[in-house]
Amino acid sequence: MARQLTVLLVASDGLTRQITANGLAMYGYETLLAKDGVEAMGAITAGGRIDILVVDADIGGDIPGLEVAKAARLRHPRVDVIYTSRMPFRIPEAAKVKGAPSIRTPYQPQQIVGMISELRHRGSADEARRVA
């Protein structure tokens, strides 16, 4: 049996966090929640396993969303990152971590699940090519 994947969801809107967390749980994901970059960094540095980071790129404050993704990738090099944004086309590619897709808010939990599936499948294919 495959292990349950852990998703760190960073969204400033409480309703978005709760609806998305409930949806992810229905699909079998364990979800950690953070309302801002400071809370997200606490989860990232706590030493627990994080497989996927879903982060609002529009979050500002002491630790912006784009910085959370970079820190997560430094701490957990294999973490998959998905950016959410009101205007994802405005996120500069140079500011994003490598291989991270973006989705426009508002979004539905099943859209995030689909993106996770694509990222995990792509990662498995890349790993198989490296081994071959």
N, C-alpha and C. Protein backbone atom coordinates (compact mmCIF):
# COMPACT_ATOMS: atom_id res chain seq x y z
N MET A 1 0.85 -1.19 0.00
CA MET A 1 0.00 0.00 0.00
C MET A 1 0.89 1.24 0.00
N ALA A 2 0.59 2.18 -0.86
CA ALA A 2 1.38 3.41 -0.96
C ALA A 2 1.14 4.28 0.26
N ARG A 3 2.17 4.98 0.67
CA ARG A 3 2.03 5.86 1.83
C ARG A 3 1.23 7.09 1.45
N GLN A 4 0.58 7.66 2.44
CA GLN A 4 -0.22 8.86 2.25
C GLN A 4 0.73 10.04 2.02
N LEU A 5 0.46 10.85 1.00
CA LEU A 5 1.27 12.03 0.72
C LEU A 5 0.81 13.19 1.59
N THR A 6 1.77 14.01 2.00
CA THR A 6 1.49 15.16 2.84
C THR A 6 1.58 16.43 2.01
N VAL A 7 0.53 17.24 2.07
CA VAL A 7 0.44 18.50 1.35
C VAL A 7 0.48 19.64 2.37
N LEU A 8 1.37 20.60 2.16
CA LEU A 8 1.35 21.84 2.93
C LEU A 8 0.63 22.87 2.07
N LEU A 9 -0.52 23.31 2.55
CA LEU A 9 -1.36 24.28 1.83
C LEU A 9 -1.22 25.64 2.49
N VAL A 10 -0.74 26.62 1.73
CA VAL A 10 -0.54 27.98 2.23
C VAL A 10 -1.50 28.90 1.49
N ALA A 11 -2.52 29.37 2.21
CA ALA A 11 -3.53 30.26 1.62
C ALA A 11 -4.00 31.21 2.70
N SER A 12 -4.05 32.49 2.38
CA SER A 12 -4.45 33.48 3.38
C SER A 12 -5.94 33.43 3.70
N ASP A 13 -6.76 32.98 2.77
CA ASP A 13 -8.20 32.93 2.97
C ASP A 13 -8.59 31.64 3.71
N GLY A 14 -9.20 31.81 4.88
CA GLY A 14 -9.57 30.66 5.70
C GLY A 14 -10.54 29.70 5.03
N LEU A 15 -11.50 30.23 4.30
CA LEU A 15 -12.47 29.37 3.62
C LEU A 15 -11.78 28.54 2.54
N THR A 16 -10.89 29.16 1.78
CA THR A 16 -10.14 28.44 0.76
C THR A 16 -9.32 27.32 1.39
N ARG A 17 -8.65 27.63 2.51
CA ARG A 17 -7.86 26.60 3.20
C ARG A 17 -8.74 25.42 3.60
N GLN A 18 -9.87 25.69 4.20
CA GLN A 18 -10.72 24.62 4.72
C GLN A 18 -11.35 23.79 3.61
N ILE A 19 -11.88 24.45 2.59
CA ILE A 19 -12.49 23.72 1.47
C ILE A 19 -11.45 22.85 0.77
N THR A 20 -10.27 23.42 0.52
CA THR A 20 -9.22 22.67 -0.17
C THR A 20 -8.73 21.52 0.70
N ALA A 21 -8.53 21.76 1.99
CA ALA A 21 -8.08 20.69 2.90
C ALA A 21 -9.09 19.55 2.94
N ASN A 22 -10.37 19.88 3.02
CA ASN A 22 -11.41 18.85 3.04
C ASN A 22 -11.40 18.05 1.74
N GLY A 23 -11.26 18.75 0.62
CA GLY A 23 -11.21 18.07 -0.68
C GLY A 23 -10.00 17.17 -0.81
N LEU A 24 -8.84 17.66 -0.38
CA LEU A 24 -7.63 16.84 -0.44
C LEU A 24 -7.76 15.61 0.45
N ALA A 25 -8.37 15.76 1.62
CA ALA A 25 -8.57 14.62 2.52
C ALA A 25 -9.46 13.56 1.86
N MET A 26 -10.46 14.00 1.12
CA MET A 26 -11.34 13.05 0.43
C MET A 26 -10.57 12.22 -0.60
N TYR A 27 -9.49 12.79 -1.14
CA TYR A 27 -8.67 12.08 -2.10
C TYR A 27 -7.50 11.34 -1.44
N GLY A 28 -7.45 11.35 -0.10
CA GLY A 28 -6.46 10.57 0.62
C GLY A 28 -5.17 11.27 0.98
N TYR A 29 -5.14 12.58 0.88
CA TYR A 29 -3.94 13.34 1.23
C TYR A 29 -4.02 13.81 2.68
N GLU A 30 -2.89 13.80 3.36
CA GLU A 30 -2.78 14.44 4.67
C GLU A 30 -2.46 15.91 4.38
N THR A 31 -3.12 16.83 5.06
CA THR A 31 -2.94 18.24 4.75
C THR A 31 -2.51 19.03 5.97
N LEU A 32 -1.44 19.79 5.83
CA LEU A 32 -1.00 20.76 6.83
C LEU A 32 -1.43 22.13 6.31
N LEU A 33 -1.89 22.99 7.20
CA LEU A 33 -2.41 24.29 6.78
C LEU A 33 -1.58 25.43 7.34
N ALA A 34 -1.41 26.47 6.53
CA ALA A 34 -0.73 27.69 6.96
C ALA A 34 -1.44 28.87 6.32
N LYS A 35 -1.61 29.94 7.12
CA LYS A 35 -2.32 31.13 6.60
C LYS A 35 -1.37 32.15 5.99
N ASP A 36 -0.06 32.01 6.27
CA ASP A 36 0.91 32.97 5.73
C ASP A 36 2.29 32.32 5.67
N GLY A 37 3.25 33.09 5.19
CA GLY A 37 4.60 32.57 5.03
C GLY A 37 5.28 32.19 6.33
N VAL A 38 4.99 32.92 7.39
CA VAL A 38 5.60 32.61 8.70
C VAL A 38 5.13 31.25 9.19
N GLU A 39 3.82 31.00 9.14
CA GLU A 39 3.30 29.69 9.55
C GLU A 39 3.84 28.58 8.66
N ALA A 40 3.92 28.85 7.37
CA ALA A 40 4.43 27.85 6.43
C ALA A 40 5.89 27.51 6.75
N MET A 41 6.69 28.51 7.04
CA MET A 41 8.10 28.26 7.37
C MET A 41 8.22 27.43 8.64
N GLY A 42 7.31 27.65 9.59
CA GLY A 42 7.31 26.83 10.80
C GLY A 42 7.09 25.36 10.46
N ALA A 43 6.15 25.09 9.56
CA ALA A 43 5.89 23.71 9.15
C ALA A 43 7.05 23.12 8.36
N ILE A 44 7.67 23.94 7.52
CA ILE A 44 8.78 23.48 6.69
C ILE A 44 10.00 23.13 7.54
N THR A 45 10.28 23.94 8.53
CA THR A 45 11.47 23.72 9.36
C THR A 45 11.23 22.79 10.54
N ALA A 46 9.98 22.37 10.76
CA ALA A 46 9.66 21.49 11.89
C ALA A 46 10.25 20.09 11.74
N GLY A 47 10.65 19.76 10.54
CA GLY A 47 11.28 18.46 10.33
C GLY A 47 10.34 17.37 9.87
N GLY A 48 9.06 17.67 9.76
CA GLY A 48 8.11 16.67 9.26
C GLY A 48 8.22 16.51 7.75
N ARG A 49 7.59 15.48 7.26
CA ARG A 49 7.62 15.19 5.83
C ARG A 49 6.62 16.09 5.11
N ILE A 50 7.06 16.70 4.03
CA ILE A 50 6.20 17.47 3.14
C ILE A 50 6.50 17.00 1.72
N ASP A 51 5.48 16.46 1.06
CA ASP A 51 5.65 15.95 -0.29
C ASP A 51 5.27 16.99 -1.34
N ILE A 52 4.24 17.77 -1.03
CA ILE A 52 3.72 18.75 -1.99
C ILE A 52 3.46 20.06 -1.25
N LEU A 53 3.86 21.16 -1.86
CA LEU A 53 3.57 22.49 -1.33
C LEU A 53 2.64 23.19 -2.31
N VAL A 54 1.49 23.61 -1.81
CA VAL A 54 0.55 24.43 -2.60
C VAL A 54 0.58 25.79 -1.93
N VAL A 55 1.12 26.79 -2.65
CA VAL A 55 1.35 28.09 -2.01
C VAL A 55 0.78 29.22 -2.86
N ASP A 56 0.13 30.14 -2.17
CA ASP A 56 -0.41 31.33 -2.82
C ASP A 56 0.76 32.28 -3.11
N ALA A 57 1.06 32.46 -4.37
CA ALA A 57 2.18 33.32 -4.76
C ALA A 57 1.90 34.78 -4.47
N ASP A 58 0.64 35.13 -4.23
CA ASP A 58 0.27 36.52 -3.97
C ASP A 58 0.44 36.91 -2.50
N ILE A 59 0.73 35.95 -1.63
CA ILE A 59 0.90 36.26 -0.21
C ILE A 59 2.13 37.13 -0.02
N GLY A 60 1.94 38.23 0.68
CA GLY A 60 3.05 39.12 1.00
C GLY A 60 3.45 38.92 2.45
N GLY A 61 3.75 40.00 3.12
CA GLY A 61 4.09 39.91 4.54
C GLY A 61 5.57 39.67 4.76
N ASP A 62 5.88 39.19 5.95
CA ASP A 62 7.28 38.97 6.32
C ASP A 62 7.98 37.96 5.42
N ILE A 63 7.25 36.90 5.03
CA ILE A 63 7.82 35.88 4.14
C ILE A 63 6.82 35.66 3.00
N PRO A 64 7.08 36.24 1.84
CA PRO A 64 6.15 36.10 0.70
C PRO A 64 6.05 34.66 0.21
N GLY A 65 4.95 34.38 -0.47
CA GLY A 65 4.70 33.04 -0.99
C GLY A 65 5.81 32.51 -1.88
N LEU A 66 6.37 33.35 -2.73
CA LEU A 66 7.45 32.90 -3.61
C LEU A 66 8.68 32.48 -2.81
N GLU A 67 8.94 33.15 -1.70
CA GLU A 67 10.08 32.80 -0.85
C GLU A 67 9.82 31.50 -0.09
N VAL A 68 8.57 31.25 0.27
CA VAL A 68 8.21 30.01 0.94
C VAL A 68 8.56 28.82 0.04
N ALA A 69 8.23 28.93 -1.24
CA ALA A 69 8.52 27.84 -2.18
C ALA A 69 10.01 27.59 -2.29
N LYS A 70 10.80 28.65 -2.37
CA LYS A 70 12.26 28.49 -2.47
C LYS A 70 12.81 27.84 -1.21
N ALA A 71 12.34 28.27 -0.05
CA ALA A 71 12.80 27.70 1.22
C ALA A 71 12.41 26.23 1.33
N ALA A 72 11.20 25.91 0.90
CA ALA A 72 10.74 24.52 0.96
C ALA A 72 11.60 23.63 0.07
N ARG A 73 11.94 24.11 -1.11
CA ARG A 73 12.76 23.33 -2.03
C ARG A 73 14.18 23.16 -1.50
N LEU A 74 14.70 24.17 -0.81
CA LEU A 74 16.03 24.04 -0.20
C LEU A 74 16.01 23.00 0.91
N ARG A 75 14.99 23.02 1.73
CA ARG A 75 14.90 22.11 2.88
C ARG A 75 14.49 20.70 2.44
N HIS A 76 13.61 20.62 1.46
CA HIS A 76 13.09 19.34 0.95
C HIS A 76 13.26 19.35 -0.58
N PRO A 77 14.43 18.98 -1.09
CA PRO A 77 14.71 19.11 -2.53
C PRO A 77 13.73 18.40 -3.46
N ARG A 78 13.04 17.38 -2.98
CA ARG A 78 12.13 16.63 -3.85
C ARG A 78 10.68 17.07 -3.73
N VAL A 79 10.42 18.14 -2.96
CA VAL A 79 9.05 18.60 -2.79
C VAL A 79 8.50 19.14 -4.11
N ASP A 80 7.29 18.73 -4.44
CA ASP A 80 6.61 19.28 -5.61
C ASP A 80 5.92 20.57 -5.17
N VAL A 81 5.98 21.59 -6.01
CA VAL A 81 5.41 22.90 -5.69
C VAL A 81 4.34 23.25 -6.72
N ILE A 82 3.23 23.75 -6.23
CA ILE A 82 2.16 24.28 -7.08
C ILE A 82 1.87 25.70 -6.58
N TYR A 83 1.94 26.66 -7.49
CA TYR A 83 1.62 28.04 -7.14
C TYR A 83 0.16 28.32 -7.45
N THR A 84 -0.49 29.07 -6.58
CA THR A 84 -1.82 29.59 -6.87
C THR A 84 -1.71 31.12 -6.92
N SER A 85 -2.53 31.73 -7.74
CA SER A 85 -2.46 33.18 -7.88
C SER A 85 -3.71 33.70 -8.59
N ARG A 86 -4.08 34.92 -8.29
CA ARG A 86 -5.17 35.56 -9.03
C ARG A 86 -4.76 35.80 -10.48
N MET A 87 -3.47 36.03 -10.69
CA MET A 87 -2.95 36.27 -12.04
C MET A 87 -1.66 35.48 -12.23
N PRO A 88 -1.77 34.16 -12.43
CA PRO A 88 -0.56 33.33 -12.51
C PRO A 88 0.38 33.69 -13.65
N PHE A 89 -0.16 34.27 -14.71
CA PHE A 89 0.68 34.67 -15.84
C PHE A 89 1.63 35.80 -15.47
N ARG A 90 1.39 36.46 -14.34
CA ARG A 90 2.26 37.55 -13.91
C ARG A 90 3.39 37.10 -12.99
N ILE A 91 3.44 35.83 -12.65
CA ILE A 91 4.54 35.33 -11.82
C ILE A 91 5.76 35.15 -12.72
N PRO A 92 6.83 35.89 -12.47
CA PRO A 92 8.01 35.73 -13.33
C PRO A 92 8.60 34.32 -13.20
N GLU A 93 8.92 33.71 -14.31
CA GLU A 93 9.49 32.36 -14.30
C GLU A 93 10.75 32.31 -13.43
N ALA A 94 11.55 33.36 -13.47
CA ALA A 94 12.78 33.39 -12.68
C ALA A 94 12.52 33.39 -11.18
N ALA A 95 11.32 33.78 -10.77
CA ALA A 95 10.98 33.82 -9.35
C ALA A 95 10.43 32.48 -8.85
N LYS A 96 10.10 31.59 -9.78
CA LYS A 96 9.50 30.31 -9.42
C LYS A 96 10.58 29.24 -9.26
N VAL A 97 10.26 28.20 -8.47
CA VAL A 97 11.16 27.05 -8.40
C VAL A 97 10.95 26.22 -9.66
N LYS A 98 11.97 25.48 -10.03
CA LYS A 98 11.96 24.71 -11.27
C LYS A 98 10.84 23.67 -11.27
N GLY A 99 10.13 23.63 -12.39
CA GLY A 99 9.11 22.61 -12.60
C GLY A 99 7.80 22.83 -11.88
N ALA A 100 7.58 24.02 -11.35
CA ALA A 100 6.36 24.28 -10.58
C ALA A 100 5.29 24.92 -11.45
N PRO A 101 4.15 24.26 -11.59
CA PRO A 101 3.04 24.86 -12.34
C PRO A 101 2.29 25.88 -11.51
N SER A 102 1.45 26.64 -12.17
CA SER A 102 0.62 27.65 -11.51
C SER A 102 -0.84 27.42 -11.88
N ILE A 103 -1.72 27.79 -10.97
CA ILE A 103 -3.15 27.68 -11.20
C ILE A 103 -3.82 28.97 -10.72
N ARG A 104 -4.84 29.39 -11.44
CA ARG A 104 -5.54 30.62 -11.09
C ARG A 104 -6.53 30.37 -9.96
N THR A 105 -6.56 31.31 -9.02
CA THR A 105 -7.57 31.26 -7.97
C THR A 105 -8.79 32.04 -8.46
N PRO A 106 -9.97 31.66 -8.09
CA PRO A 106 -10.30 30.53 -7.22
C PRO A 106 -10.18 29.21 -7.98
N TYR A 107 -9.89 28.15 -7.26
CA TYR A 107 -9.72 26.82 -7.83
C TYR A 107 -10.55 25.83 -7.02
N GLN A 108 -10.74 24.67 -7.58
CA GLN A 108 -11.45 23.58 -6.91
C GLN A 108 -10.42 22.56 -6.42
N PRO A 109 -10.68 21.88 -5.31
CA PRO A 109 -9.73 20.89 -4.80
C PRO A 109 -9.34 19.84 -5.85
N GLN A 110 -10.29 19.40 -6.67
CA GLN A 110 -9.96 18.38 -7.66
C GLN A 110 -8.96 18.89 -8.70
N GLN A 111 -8.91 20.21 -8.93
CA GLN A 111 -7.90 20.75 -9.84
C GLN A 111 -6.51 20.58 -9.23
N ILE A 112 -6.40 20.82 -7.94
CA ILE A 112 -5.12 20.64 -7.25
C ILE A 112 -4.73 19.16 -7.28
N VAL A 113 -5.69 18.28 -7.04
CA VAL A 113 -5.42 16.84 -7.08
C VAL A 113 -4.91 16.43 -8.47
N GLY A 114 -5.52 16.96 -9.51
CA GLY A 114 -5.06 16.67 -10.87
C GLY A 114 -3.64 17.14 -11.11
N MET A 115 -3.32 18.32 -10.62
CA MET A 115 -1.95 18.84 -10.79
C MET A 115 -0.95 17.99 -10.00
N ILE A 116 -1.34 17.57 -8.81
CA ILE A 116 -0.47 16.71 -8.01
C ILE A 116 -0.20 15.41 -8.76
N SER A 117 -1.24 14.84 -9.31
CA SER A 117 -1.11 13.60 -10.06
C SER A 117 -0.14 13.76 -11.24
N GLU A 118 -0.28 14.86 -11.96
CA GLU A 118 0.61 15.12 -13.09
C GLU A 118 2.06 15.28 -12.62
N LEU A 119 2.27 16.01 -11.54
CA LEU A 119 3.62 16.21 -11.01
C LEU A 119 4.23 14.89 -10.55
N ARG A 120 3.46 14.08 -9.84
CA ARG A 120 3.97 12.81 -9.33
C ARG A 120 4.27 11.86 -10.47
N HIS A 121 3.41 11.84 -11.49
CA HIS A 121 3.64 10.98 -12.66
C HIS A 121 4.89 11.42 -13.41
N ARG A 122 5.03 12.73 -13.59
CA ARG A 122 6.21 13.27 -14.28
C ARG A 122 7.48 12.92 -13.51
N GLY A 123 7.42 13.04 -12.18
CA GLY A 123 8.57 12.71 -11.35
C GLY A 123 8.95 11.25 -11.46
N SER A 124 7.96 10.35 -11.53
CA SER A 124 8.23 8.93 -11.67
C SER A 124 8.88 8.63 -13.02
N ALA A 125 8.42 9.29 -14.07
CA ALA A 125 8.99 9.10 -15.40
C ALA A 125 10.43 9.61 -15.45
N ASP A 126 10.69 10.75 -14.82
CA ASP A 126 12.05 11.29 -14.77
C ASP A 126 12.99 10.35 -14.02
N GLU A 127 12.52 9.80 -12.90
CA GLU A 127 13.30 8.87 -12.11
C GLU A 127 13.62 7.61 -12.89
N ALA A 128 12.65 7.09 -13.63
CA ALA A 128 12.86 5.89 -14.44
C ALA A 128 13.90 6.14 -15.52
N ARG A 129 13.92 7.33 -16.12
CA ARG A 129 14.92 7.66 -17.13
C ARG A 129 16.31 7.74 -16.53
N ARG A 130 16.41 8.27 -15.29
CA ARG A 130 17.72 8.38 -14.64
C ARG A 130 18.28 6.99 -14.30
N VAL A 131 17.41 6.08 -13.93
CA VAL A 131 17.84 4.74 -13.55
C VAL A 131 18.22 3.93 -14.79
N ALA A 132 17.53 4.13 -15.88
CA ALA A 132 17.75 3.35 -17.11
C ALA A 132 19.07 3.61 -17.75
